[in-house]
PDB file of N, CA and C in Angstrom:
ATOM      1  N   MET A   1       0.708  -1.006  -0.014  1.00  0.00           N
ATOM      2  CA  MET A   1      -0.005  -0.391   0.109  1.00  0.00           C
ATOM      3  C   MET A   1       0.768   1.113   0.005  1.00  0.00           C
ATOM      4  N   ILE A   2       1.926   1.208   1.010  1.00  0.00           N
ATOM      5  CA  ILE A   2       2.770   2.694   1.068  1.00  0.00           C
ATOM      6  C   ILE A   2       3.471   2.657  -0.519  1.00  0.00           C
ATOM      7  N   SER A   3       3.767   1.535  -1.194  1.00  0.00           N
ATOM      8  CA  SER A   3       4.637   2.185  -2.286  1.00  0.00           C
ATOM      9  C   SER A   3       3.810   2.260  -3.322  1.00  0.00           C
ATOM     10  N   ALA A   4       2.172   1.964  -3.179  1.00  0.00           N
ATOM     11  CA  ALA A   4       1.452   2.809  -4.449  1.00  0.00           C
ATOM     12  C   ALA A   4       0.995   4.168  -4.251  1.00  0.00           C
ATOM     13  N   LEU A   5       1.418   4.761  -2.792  1.00  0.00           N
ATOM     14  CA  LEU A   5       0.853   6.053  -2.387  1.00  0.00           C
ATOM     15  C   LEU A   5       2.503   6.634  -2.876  1.00  0.00           C
ATOM     16  N   VAL A   6       3.585   5.850  -2.569  1.00  0.00           N
ATOM     17  CA  VAL A   6       4.796   6.419  -2.901  1.00  0.00           C
ATOM     18  C   VAL A   6       4.645   6.939  -4.887  1.00  0.00           C
ATOM     19  N   GLU A   7       4.073   6.255  -5.390  1.00  0.00           N
ATOM     20  CA  GLU A   7       4.706   6.276  -7.057  1.00  0.00           C
ATOM     21  C   GLU A   7       3.272   6.982  -6.947  1.00  0.00           C
ATOM     22  N   GLY A   8       2.140   7.621  -6.227  1.00  0.00           N
ATOM     23  CA  GLY A   8       1.084   8.330  -6.924  1.00  0.00           C
ATOM     24  C   GLY A   8       1.214   9.810  -7.207  1.00  0.00           C
ATOM     25  N   ARG A   9       0.499  10.574  -7.107  1.00  0.00           N
ATOM     26  CA  ARG A   9       0.762  11.771  -7.588  1.00  0.00           C
ATOM     27  C   ARG A   9       0.842  12.899  -6.572  1.00  0.00           C
ATOM     28  N   ASN A  10       0.589  12.599  -5.401  1.00  0.00           N
ATOM     29  CA  ASN A  10       0.316  13.273  -4.158  1.00  0.00           C
ATOM     30  C   ASN A  10       1.519  13.067  -3.337  1.00  0.00           C
ATOM     31  N   ARG A  11       2.826  14.090  -2.989  1.00  0.00           N
ATOM     32  CA  ARG A  11       3.717  13.808  -2.254  1.00  0.00           C
ATOM     33  C   ARG A  11       3.274  13.684  -0.944  1.00  0.00           C
ATOM     34  N   HIS A  12       2.537  14.148  -0.783  1.00  0.00           N
ATOM     35  CA  HIS A  12       1.885  14.170   1.045  1.00  0.00           C
ATOM     36  C   HIS A  12       1.462  12.751   1.555  1.00  0.00           C
ATOM     37  N   ALA A  13       0.394  12.271   0.495  1.00  0.00           N
ATOM     38  CA  ALA A  13      -0.170  10.769   1.096  1.00  0.00           C
ATOM     39  C   ALA A  13       0.788   9.866   1.712  1.00  0.00           C
ATOM     40  N   ALA A  14       1.961   9.239   1.231  1.00  0.00           N
ATOM     41  CA  ALA A  14       2.303   8.263   1.952  1.00  0.00           C
ATOM     42  C   ALA A  14       3.603   9.072   3.184  1.00  0.00           C
ATOM     43  N   LEU A  15       3.524   9.795   3.681  1.00  0.00           N
ATOM     44  CA  LEU A  15       4.196  10.353   4.416  1.00  0.00           C
ATOM     45  C   LEU A  15       2.700  10.401   5.627  1.00  0.00           C
ATOM     46  N   VAL A  16       1.821  10.635   5.386  1.00  0.00           N
ATOM     47  CA  VAL A  16       0.836  10.715   6.258  1.00  0.00           C
ATOM     48  C   VAL A  16       0.354   9.213   6.810  1.00  0.00           C
ATOM     49  N   ALA A  17       0.455   8.258   5.550  1.00  0.00           N
ATOM     50  CA  ALA A  17       0.390   7.070   5.920  1.00  0.00           C
ATOM     51  C   ALA A  17       1.240   6.473   6.554  1.00  0.00           C
ATOM     52  N   LYS A  18       2.384   6.573   6.744  1.00  0.00           N
ATOM     53  CA  LYS A  18       3.454   6.296   7.542  1.00  0.00           C
ATOM     54  C   LYS A  18       3.182   6.722   8.923  1.00  0.00           C
ATOM     55  N   ILE A  19       2.726   8.281   9.310  1.00  0.00           N
ATOM     56  CA  ILE A  19       2.988   8.695  10.389  1.00  0.00           C
ATOM     57  C   ILE A  19       1.318   7.778  11.119  1.00  0.00           C
ATOM     58  N   CYS A  20       0.331   7.551  10.100  1.00  0.00           N
ATOM     59  CA  CYS A  20      -0.691   6.780  10.699  1.00  0.00           C
ATOM     60  C   CYS A  20      -0.102   5.637  11.439  1.00  0.00           C
ATOM     61  N   LEU A  21       0.352   4.990  10.297  1.00  0.00           N
ATOM     62  CA  LEU A  21       0.991   3.259  10.864  1.00  0.00           C
ATOM     63  C   LEU A  21       1.918   3.401  12.183  1.00  0.00           C
ATOM     64  N   SER A  22       2.768   4.516  12.181  1.00  0.00           N
ATOM     65  CA  SER A  22       3.939   4.513  12.939  1.00  0.00           C
ATOM     66  C   SER A  22       3.282   5.183  14.498  1.00  0.00           C
ATOM     67  N   THR A  23       1.971   5.378  14.457  1.00  0.00           N
ATOM     68  CA  THR A  23       1.342   6.456  15.638  1.00  0.00           C
ATOM     69  C   THR A  23       0.199   5.764  16.372  1.00  0.00           C
ATOM     70  N   GLY A  24      -0.484   5.392  15.361  1.00  0.00           N
ATOM     71  CA  GLY A  24      -2.072   5.060  15.649  1.00  0.00           C
ATOM     72  C   GLY A  24      -3.193   6.202  15.340  1.00  0.00           C
ATOM     73  N   ALA A  25      -2.304   6.993  14.827  1.00  0.00           N
ATOM     74  CA  ALA A  25      -3.218   8.438  14.740  1.00  0.00           C
ATOM     75  C   ALA A  25      -4.451   8.060  13.139  1.00  0.00           C
ATOM     76  N   ARG A  26      -5.274   8.881  13.512  1.00  0.00           N
ATOM     77  CA  ARG A  26      -6.065   8.854  12.705  1.00  0.00           C
ATOM     78  C   ARG A  26      -5.775   9.856  11.345  1.00  0.00           C
ATOM     79  N   TRP A  27      -6.065   9.719  10.225  1.00  0.00           N
ATOM     80  CA  TRP A  27      -5.495  10.359   9.117  1.00  0.00           C
ATOM     81  C   TRP A  27      -5.555  11.675   9.434  1.00  0.00           C
ATOM     82  N   GLY A  28      -7.044  12.170   9.950  1.00  0.00           N
ATOM     83  CA  GLY A  28      -7.087  14.086  10.210  1.00  0.00           C
ATOM     84  C   GLY A  28      -6.103  14.386  11.001  1.00  0.00           C
ATOM     85  N   GLU A  29      -5.741  13.485  12.096  1.00  0.00           N
ATOM     86  CA  GLU A  29      -4.986  13.900  13.315  1.00  0.00           C
ATOM     87  C   GLU A  29      -3.688  14.472  12.498  1.00  0.00           C
ATOM     88  N   ALA A  30      -3.313  13.140  11.901  1.00  0.00           N
ATOM     89  CA  ALA A  30      -1.992  13.483  11.124  1.00  0.00           C
ATOM     90  C   ALA A  30      -1.739  14.185  10.052  1.00  0.00           C
ATOM     91  N   GLU A  31      -2.828  14.324   9.095  1.00  0.00           N
ATOM     92  CA  GLU A  31      -2.774  15.632   8.063  1.00  0.00           C
ATOM     93  C   GLU A  31      -2.596  16.402   8.041  1.00  0.00           C
ATOM     94  N   SER A  32      -3.466  17.139   9.695  1.00  0.00           N
ATOM     95  CA  SER A  32      -3.454  18.418  10.025  1.00  0.00           C
ATOM     96  C   SER A  32      -2.269  18.719  11.291  1.00  0.00           C
ATOM     97  N   LEU A  33      -1.295  18.075  11.308  1.00  0.00           N
ATOM     98  CA  LEU A  33       0.107  18.535  12.110  1.00  0.00           C
ATOM     99  C   LEU A  33       0.544  19.260  11.477  1.00  0.00           C
ATOM    100  N   GLU A  34       1.214  20.488  12.505  1.00  0.00           N
ATOM    101  CA  GLU A  34       1.896  21.690  11.950  1.00  0.00           C
ATOM    102  C   GLU A  34       3.712  21.377  12.373  1.00  0.00           C
ATOM    103  N   ILE A  35       4.384  22.207  12.024  1.00  0.00           N
ATOM    104  CA  ILE A  35       5.839  21.665  11.977  1.00  0.00           C
ATOM    105  C   ILE A  35       6.322  21.994  13.453  1.00  0.00           C
ATOM    106  N   GLN A  36       5.661  22.718  14.222  1.00  0.00           N
ATOM    107  CA  GLN A  36       5.626  23.274  15.559  1.00  0.00           C
ATOM    108  C   GLN A  36       5.391  21.725  16.144  1.00  0.00           C
ATOM    109  N   HIS A  37       4.664  21.057  15.799  1.00  0.00           N
ATOM    110  CA  HIS A  37       4.296  19.556  16.804  1.00  0.00           C
ATOM    111  C   HIS A  37       5.345  18.449  16.356  1.00  0.00           C
ATOM    112  N   LEU A  38       6.251  18.652  15.555  1.00  0.00           N
ATOM    113  CA  LEU A  38       6.943  17.838  15.632  1.00  0.00           C
ATOM    114  C   LEU A  38       8.951  18.227  16.602  1.00  0.00           C
ATOM    115  N   ARG A  39       8.969  17.805  17.942  1.00  0.00           N
ATOM    116  CA  ARG A  39      10.076  17.901  18.666  1.00  0.00           C
ATOM    117  C   ARG A  39      10.503  16.738  19.306  1.00  0.00           C
ATOM    118  N   ASN A  40      11.738  16.656  19.518  1.00  0.00           N
ATOM    119  CA  ASN A  40      12.365  15.834  20.381  1.00  0.00           C
ATOM    120  C   ASN A  40      11.903  14.686  20.135  1.00  0.00           C
ATOM    121  N   GLY A  41      11.996  14.209  19.032  1.00  0.00           N
ATOM    122  CA  GLY A  41      11.357  12.696  18.659  1.00  0.00           C
ATOM    123  C   GLY A  41      10.337  12.603  18.638  1.00  0.00           C
ATOM    124  N   GLN A  42       9.147  13.286  18.841  1.00  0.00           N
ATOM    125  CA  GLN A  42       7.826  12.965  18.990  1.00  0.00           C
ATOM    126  C   GLN A  42       6.827  13.861  18.224  1.00  0.00           C
ATOM    127  N   LEU A  43       5.653  13.105  17.743  1.00  0.00           N
ATOM    128  CA  LEU A  43       4.738  14.188  17.546  1.00  0.00           C
ATOM    129  C   LEU A  43       3.682  14.289  18.525  1.00  0.00           C
ATOM    130  N   GLN A  44       2.857  15.909  18.743  1.00  0.00           N
ATOM    131  CA  GLN A  44       2.266  16.274  19.396  1.00  0.00           C
ATOM    132  C   GLN A  44       1.027  16.334  18.868  1.00  0.00           C
ATOM    133  N   PHE A  45      -0.323  15.257  18.854  1.00  0.00           N
ATOM    134  CA  PHE A  45      -1.513  15.650  18.311  1.00  0.00           C
ATOM    135  C   PHE A  45      -2.436  16.373  19.208  1.00  0.00           C
ATOM    136  N   ALA A  46      -3.141  17.385  18.749  1.00  0.00           N
ATOM    137  CA  ALA A  46      -3.433  18.588  19.792  1.00  0.00           C
ATOM    138  C   ALA A  46      -4.836  17.991  19.534  1.00  0.00           C
ATOM    139  N   GLY A  47      -5.261  18.132  17.859  1.00  0.00           N
ATOM    140  CA  GLY A  47      -6.765  18.197  17.541  1.00  0.00           C
ATOM    141  C   GLY A  47      -7.108  16.613  17.378  1.00  0.00           C
ATOM    142  N   THR A  48      -7.048  16.110  18.463  1.00  0.00           N
ATOM    143  CA  THR A  48      -7.624  14.601  18.940  1.00  0.00           C
ATOM    144  C   THR A  48      -9.342  14.426  18.842  1.00  0.00           C
ATOM    145  N   LYS A  49     -10.007  13.451  18.389  1.00  0.00           N
ATOM    146  CA  LYS A  49     -11.169  13.097  18.656  1.00  0.00           C
ATOM    147  C   LYS A  49     -11.186  13.455  20.060  1.00  0.00           C
ATOM    148  N   SER A  50     -10.432  12.812  21.372  1.00  0.00           N
ATOM    149  CA  SER A  50     -10.846  13.037  22.658  1.00  0.00           C
ATOM    150  C   SER A  50     -10.718  14.212  22.851  1.00  0.00           C
ATOM    151  N   GLY A  51     -10.002  15.340  22.206  1.00  0.00           N
ATOM    152  CA  GLY A  51      -9.853  16.294  22.694  1.00  0.00           C
ATOM    153  C   GLY A  51      -8.636  16.755  23.501  1.00  0.00           C
ATOM    154  N   LYS A  52      -7.964  15.608  23.688  1.00  0.00           N
ATOM    155  CA  LYS A  52      -6.997  15.746  24.673  1.00  0.00           C
ATOM    156  C   LYS A  52      -5.648  15.787  24.089  1.00  0.00           C
ATOM    157  N   VAL A  53      -4.436  16.230  24.488  1.00  0.00           N
ATOM    158  CA  VAL A  53      -3.197  16.553  23.632  1.00  0.00           C
ATOM    159  C   VAL A  53      -2.637  15.458  23.819  1.00  0.00           C
ATOM    160  N   ARG A  54      -2.241  14.610  22.964  1.00  0.00           N
ATOM    161  CA  ARG A  54      -0.950  13.157  23.095  1.00  0.00           C
ATOM    162  C   ARG A  54       0.510  13.365  22.611  1.00  0.00           C
ATOM    163  N   ALA A  55       1.378  12.925  22.979  1.00  0.00           N
ATOM    164  CA  ALA A  55       2.963  12.944  22.394  1.00  0.00           C
ATOM    165  C   ALA A  55       3.194  11.609  22.604  1.00  0.00           C
ATOM    166  N   LEU A  56       3.483  11.167  21.064  1.00  0.00           N
ATOM    167  CA  LEU A  56       3.757   9.980  20.695  1.00  0.00           C
ATOM    168  C   LEU A  56       5.203   9.981  19.949  1.00  0.00           C
ATOM    169  N   PRO A  57       5.943   8.803  20.332  1.00  0.00           N
ATOM    170  CA  PRO A  57       7.723   8.949  20.262  1.00  0.00           C
ATOM    171  C   PRO A  57       7.456   8.695  18.663  1.00  0.00           C
ATOM    172  N   ILE A  58       8.605   8.812  17.794  1.00  0.00           N
ATOM    173  CA  ILE A  58       8.552   8.494  16.457  1.00  0.00           C
ATOM    174  C   ILE A  58      10.538   8.087  16.283  1.00  0.00           C
ATOM    175  N   SER A  59      10.187   7.511  15.147  1.00  0.00           N
ATOM    176  CA  SER A  59      11.776   6.851  14.727  1.00  0.00           C
ATOM    177  C   SER A  59      12.142   8.345  14.333  1.00  0.00           C
ATOM    178  N   PRO A  60      13.885   8.129  14.576  1.00  0.00           N
ATOM    179  CA  PRO A  60      14.466   9.106  13.840  1.00  0.00           C
ATOM    180  C   PRO A  60      14.497   9.219  12.509  1.00  0.00           C
ATOM    181  N   GLU A  61      14.746   8.069  11.871  1.00  0.00           N
ATOM    182  CA  GLU A  61      13.963   8.411  10.588  1.00  0.00           C
ATOM    183  C   GLU A  61      13.341   9.059   9.896  1.00  0.00           C
ATOM    184  N   LEU A  62      11.560   8.690  10.634  1.00  0.00           N
ATOM    185  CA  LEU A  62      10.707   9.600  10.158  1.00  0.00           C
ATOM    186  C   LEU A  62      10.748  10.830  10.728  1.00  0.00           C
ATOM    187  N   SER A  63      11.198  11.207  11.616  1.00  0.00           N
ATOM    188  CA  SER A  63      11.486  12.769  12.013  1.00  0.00           C
ATOM    189  C   SER A  63      12.633  13.646  10.793  1.00  0.00           C
ATOM    190  N   ASP A  64      13.525  12.796  10.712  1.00  0.00           N
ATOM    191  CA  ASP A  64      14.184  13.169   9.852  1.00  0.00           C
ATOM    192  C   ASP A  64      13.571  13.555   8.174  1.00  0.00           C
ATOM    193  N   GLU A  65      12.359  12.048   7.900  1.00  0.00           N
ATOM    194  CA  GLU A  65      11.831  12.787   6.532  1.00  0.00           C
ATOM    195  C   GLU A  65      10.760  13.537   6.833  1.00  0.00           C
ATOM    196  N   LEU A  66      10.283  13.989   7.564  1.00  0.00           N
ATOM    197  CA  LEU A  66       8.755  14.876   8.237  1.00  0.00           C
ATOM    198  C   LEU A  66       9.788  16.155   7.964  1.00  0.00           C
ATOM    199  N   LYS A  67      11.034  16.682   8.593  1.00  0.00           N
ATOM    200  CA  LYS A  67      11.972  17.666   8.656  1.00  0.00           C
ATOM    201  C   LYS A  67      12.264  17.969   7.090  1.00  0.00           C
ATOM    202  N   ALA A  68      12.718  16.983   6.169  1.00  0.00           N
ATOM    203  CA  ALA A  68      13.144  17.234   4.660  1.00  0.00           C
ATOM    204  C   ALA A  68      11.843  17.227   3.905  1.00  0.00           C
ATOM    205  N   HIS A  69      10.668  17.030   4.584  1.00  0.00           N
ATOM    206  CA  HIS A  69       9.172  17.154   3.472  1.00  0.00           C
ATOM    207  C   HIS A  69       8.524  18.329   3.648  1.00  0.00           C
ATOM    208  N   TYR A  70       8.565  19.069   5.147  1.00  0.00           N
ATOM    209  CA  TYR A  70       8.421  20.411   5.321  1.00  0.00           C
ATOM    210  C   TYR A  70       8.631  21.578   3.857  1.00  0.00           C
ATOM    211  N   ASP A  71       7.591  22.131   3.496  1.00  0.00           N
ATOM    212  CA  ASP A  71       8.047  23.056   2.691  1.00  0.00           C
ATOM    213  C   ASP A  71       7.099  24.130   2.839  1.00  0.00           C
ATOM    214  N   PRO A  72       7.639  25.171   3.546  1.00  0.00           N
ATOM    215  CA  PRO A  72       6.387  26.642   4.533  1.00  0.00           C
ATOM    216  C   PRO A  72       6.348  27.011   3.234  1.00  0.00           C
ATOM    217  N   LYS A  73       6.877  27.285   1.429  1.00  0.00           N
ATOM    218  CA  LYS A  73       6.136  28.169   0.842  1.00  0.00           C
ATOM    219  C   LYS A  73       4.706  27.086   0.221  1.00  0.00           C
ATOM    220  N   GLU A  74       5.047  25.757   0.543  1.00  0.00           N
ATOM    221  CA  GLU A  74       3.617  25.317  -0.045  1.00  0.00           C
ATOM    222  C   GLU A  74       2.662  25.340   0.759  1.00  0.00           C
ATOM    223  N   THR A  75       2.793  25.027   2.169  1.00  0.00           N
ATOM    224  CA  THR A  75       2.037  24.747   3.089  1.00  0.00           C
ATOM    225  C   THR A  75       1.866  25.264   4.468  1.00  0.00           C
ATOM    226  N   GLY A  76       2.628  26.614   4.423  1.00  0.00           N
ATOM    227  CA  GLY A  76       2.359  27.244   5.839  1.00  0.00           C
ATOM    228  C   GLY A  76       3.318  26.685   7.323  1.00  0.00           C
ATOM    229  N   ASN A  77       2.337  26.464   7.780  1.00  0.00           N
ATOM    230  CA  ASN A  77       2.833  25.858   9.078  1.00  0.00           C
ATOM    231  C   ASN A  77       2.694  24.409   9.435  1.00  0.00           C
ATOM    232  N   ARG A  78       1.449  23.951   8.480  1.00  0.00           N
ATOM    233  CA  ARG A  78       1.308  22.696   8.089  1.00  0.00           C
ATOM    234  C   ARG A  78       2.251  21.872   7.596  1.00  0.00           C
ATOM    235  N   LEU A  79       2.247  20.539   8.117  1.00  0.00           N
ATOM    236  CA  LEU A  79       3.571  19.746   7.534  1.00  0.00           C
ATOM    237  C   LEU A  79       2.859  19.531   5.769  1.00  0.00           C
ATOM    238  N   PHE A  80       1.426  19.309   6.024  1.00  0.00           N
ATOM    239  CA  PHE A  80       0.891  18.480   4.712  1.00  0.00           C
ATOM    240  C   PHE A  80      -0.180  19.046   4.031  1.00  0.00           C
ATOM    241  N   ALA A  81      -0.201  18.980   2.611  1.00  0.00           N
ATOM    242  CA  ALA A  81      -1.558  19.712   2.396  1.00  0.00           C
ATOM    243  C   ALA A  81      -2.770  18.574   2.027  1.00  0.00           C
ATOM    244  N   PRO A  82      -3.730  18.943   2.118  1.00  0.00           N
ATOM    245  CA  PRO A  82      -5.064  17.999   2.222  1.00  0.00           C
ATOM    246  C   PRO A  82      -4.486  16.389   1.254  1.00  0.00           C
ATOM    247  N   CYS A  83      -4.911  15.553   1.406  1.00  0.00           N
ATOM    248  CA  CYS A  83      -4.226  14.123   0.428  1.00  0.00           C
ATOM    249  C   CYS A  83      -4.603  13.259   1.069  1.00  0.00           C
ATOM    250  N   TYR A  84      -5.742  13.099   1.860  1.00  0.00           N
ATOM    251  CA  TYR A  84      -7.073  11.705   2.014  1.00  0.00           C
ATOM    252  C   TYR A  84      -7.520  11.698   0.565  1.00  0.00           C
ATOM    253  N   SER A  85      -7.975  12.081  -0.200  1.00  0.00           N
ATOM    254  CA  SER A  85      -8.391  11.752  -1.746  1.00  0.00           C
ATOM    255  C   SER A  85      -7.684  10.860  -2.396  1.00  0.00           C
ATOM    256  N   ALA A  86      -6.140  11.637  -2.466  1.00  0.00           N
ATOM    257  CA  ALA A  86      -4.850  10.702  -3.071  1.00  0.00           C
ATOM    258  C   ALA A  86      -4.865   9.219  -2.336  1.00  0.00           C
ATOM    259  N   PHE A  87      -4.995   9.259  -1.114  1.00  0.00           N
ATOM    260  CA  PHE A  87      -4.722   8.206  -0.534  1.00  0.00           C
ATOM    261  C   PHE A  87      -5.765   6.996  -0.287  1.00  0.00           C
ATOM    262  N   ARG A  88      -7.176   7.738  -0.912  1.00  0.00           N
ATOM    263  CA  ARG A  88      -8.366   6.706  -1.619  1.00  0.00           C
ATOM    264  C   ARG A  88      -7.847   6.084  -2.644  1.00  0.00           C
ATOM    265  N   GLU A  89      -7.648   7.076  -3.552  1.00  0.00           N
ATOM    266  CA  GLU A  89      -7.234   6.674  -5.157  1.00  0.00           C
ATOM    267  C   GLU A  89      -6.565   5.323  -5.060  1.00  0.00           C
ATOM    268  N   GLY A  90      -5.323   5.854  -3.814  1.00  0.00           N
ATOM    269  CA  GLY A  90      -3.835   5.028  -4.130  1.00  0.00           C
ATOM    270  C   GLY A  90      -4.395   3.621  -3.591  1.00  0.00           C
ATOM    271  N   ILE A  91      -5.662   3.315  -2.741  1.00  0.00           N
ATOM    272  CA  ILE A  91      -5.415   2.429  -1.909  1.00  0.00           C
ATOM    273  C   ILE A  91      -6.895   1.033  -2.792  1.00  0.00           C
TER     274      ILE A  91
END
């Protein structure tokens, strides 16, 4: 599934899927992450379904991949542009 997303037209979908698989986050939680939610090898999820803030550890490789992926010119403070439709097309 990830390889289909990597080959797809949206560069954000595969990385959002990796976050969901690594942390158990919902798609919307991962897709709405902002750059300030990435710190010290953790992702902080603020807009959760329960309304609670969660901080979950991620691998150094995923952290590096997120930092390399971030483009403020494209998405502002957000790590990703909307990509759920690309995910649905890819699976």
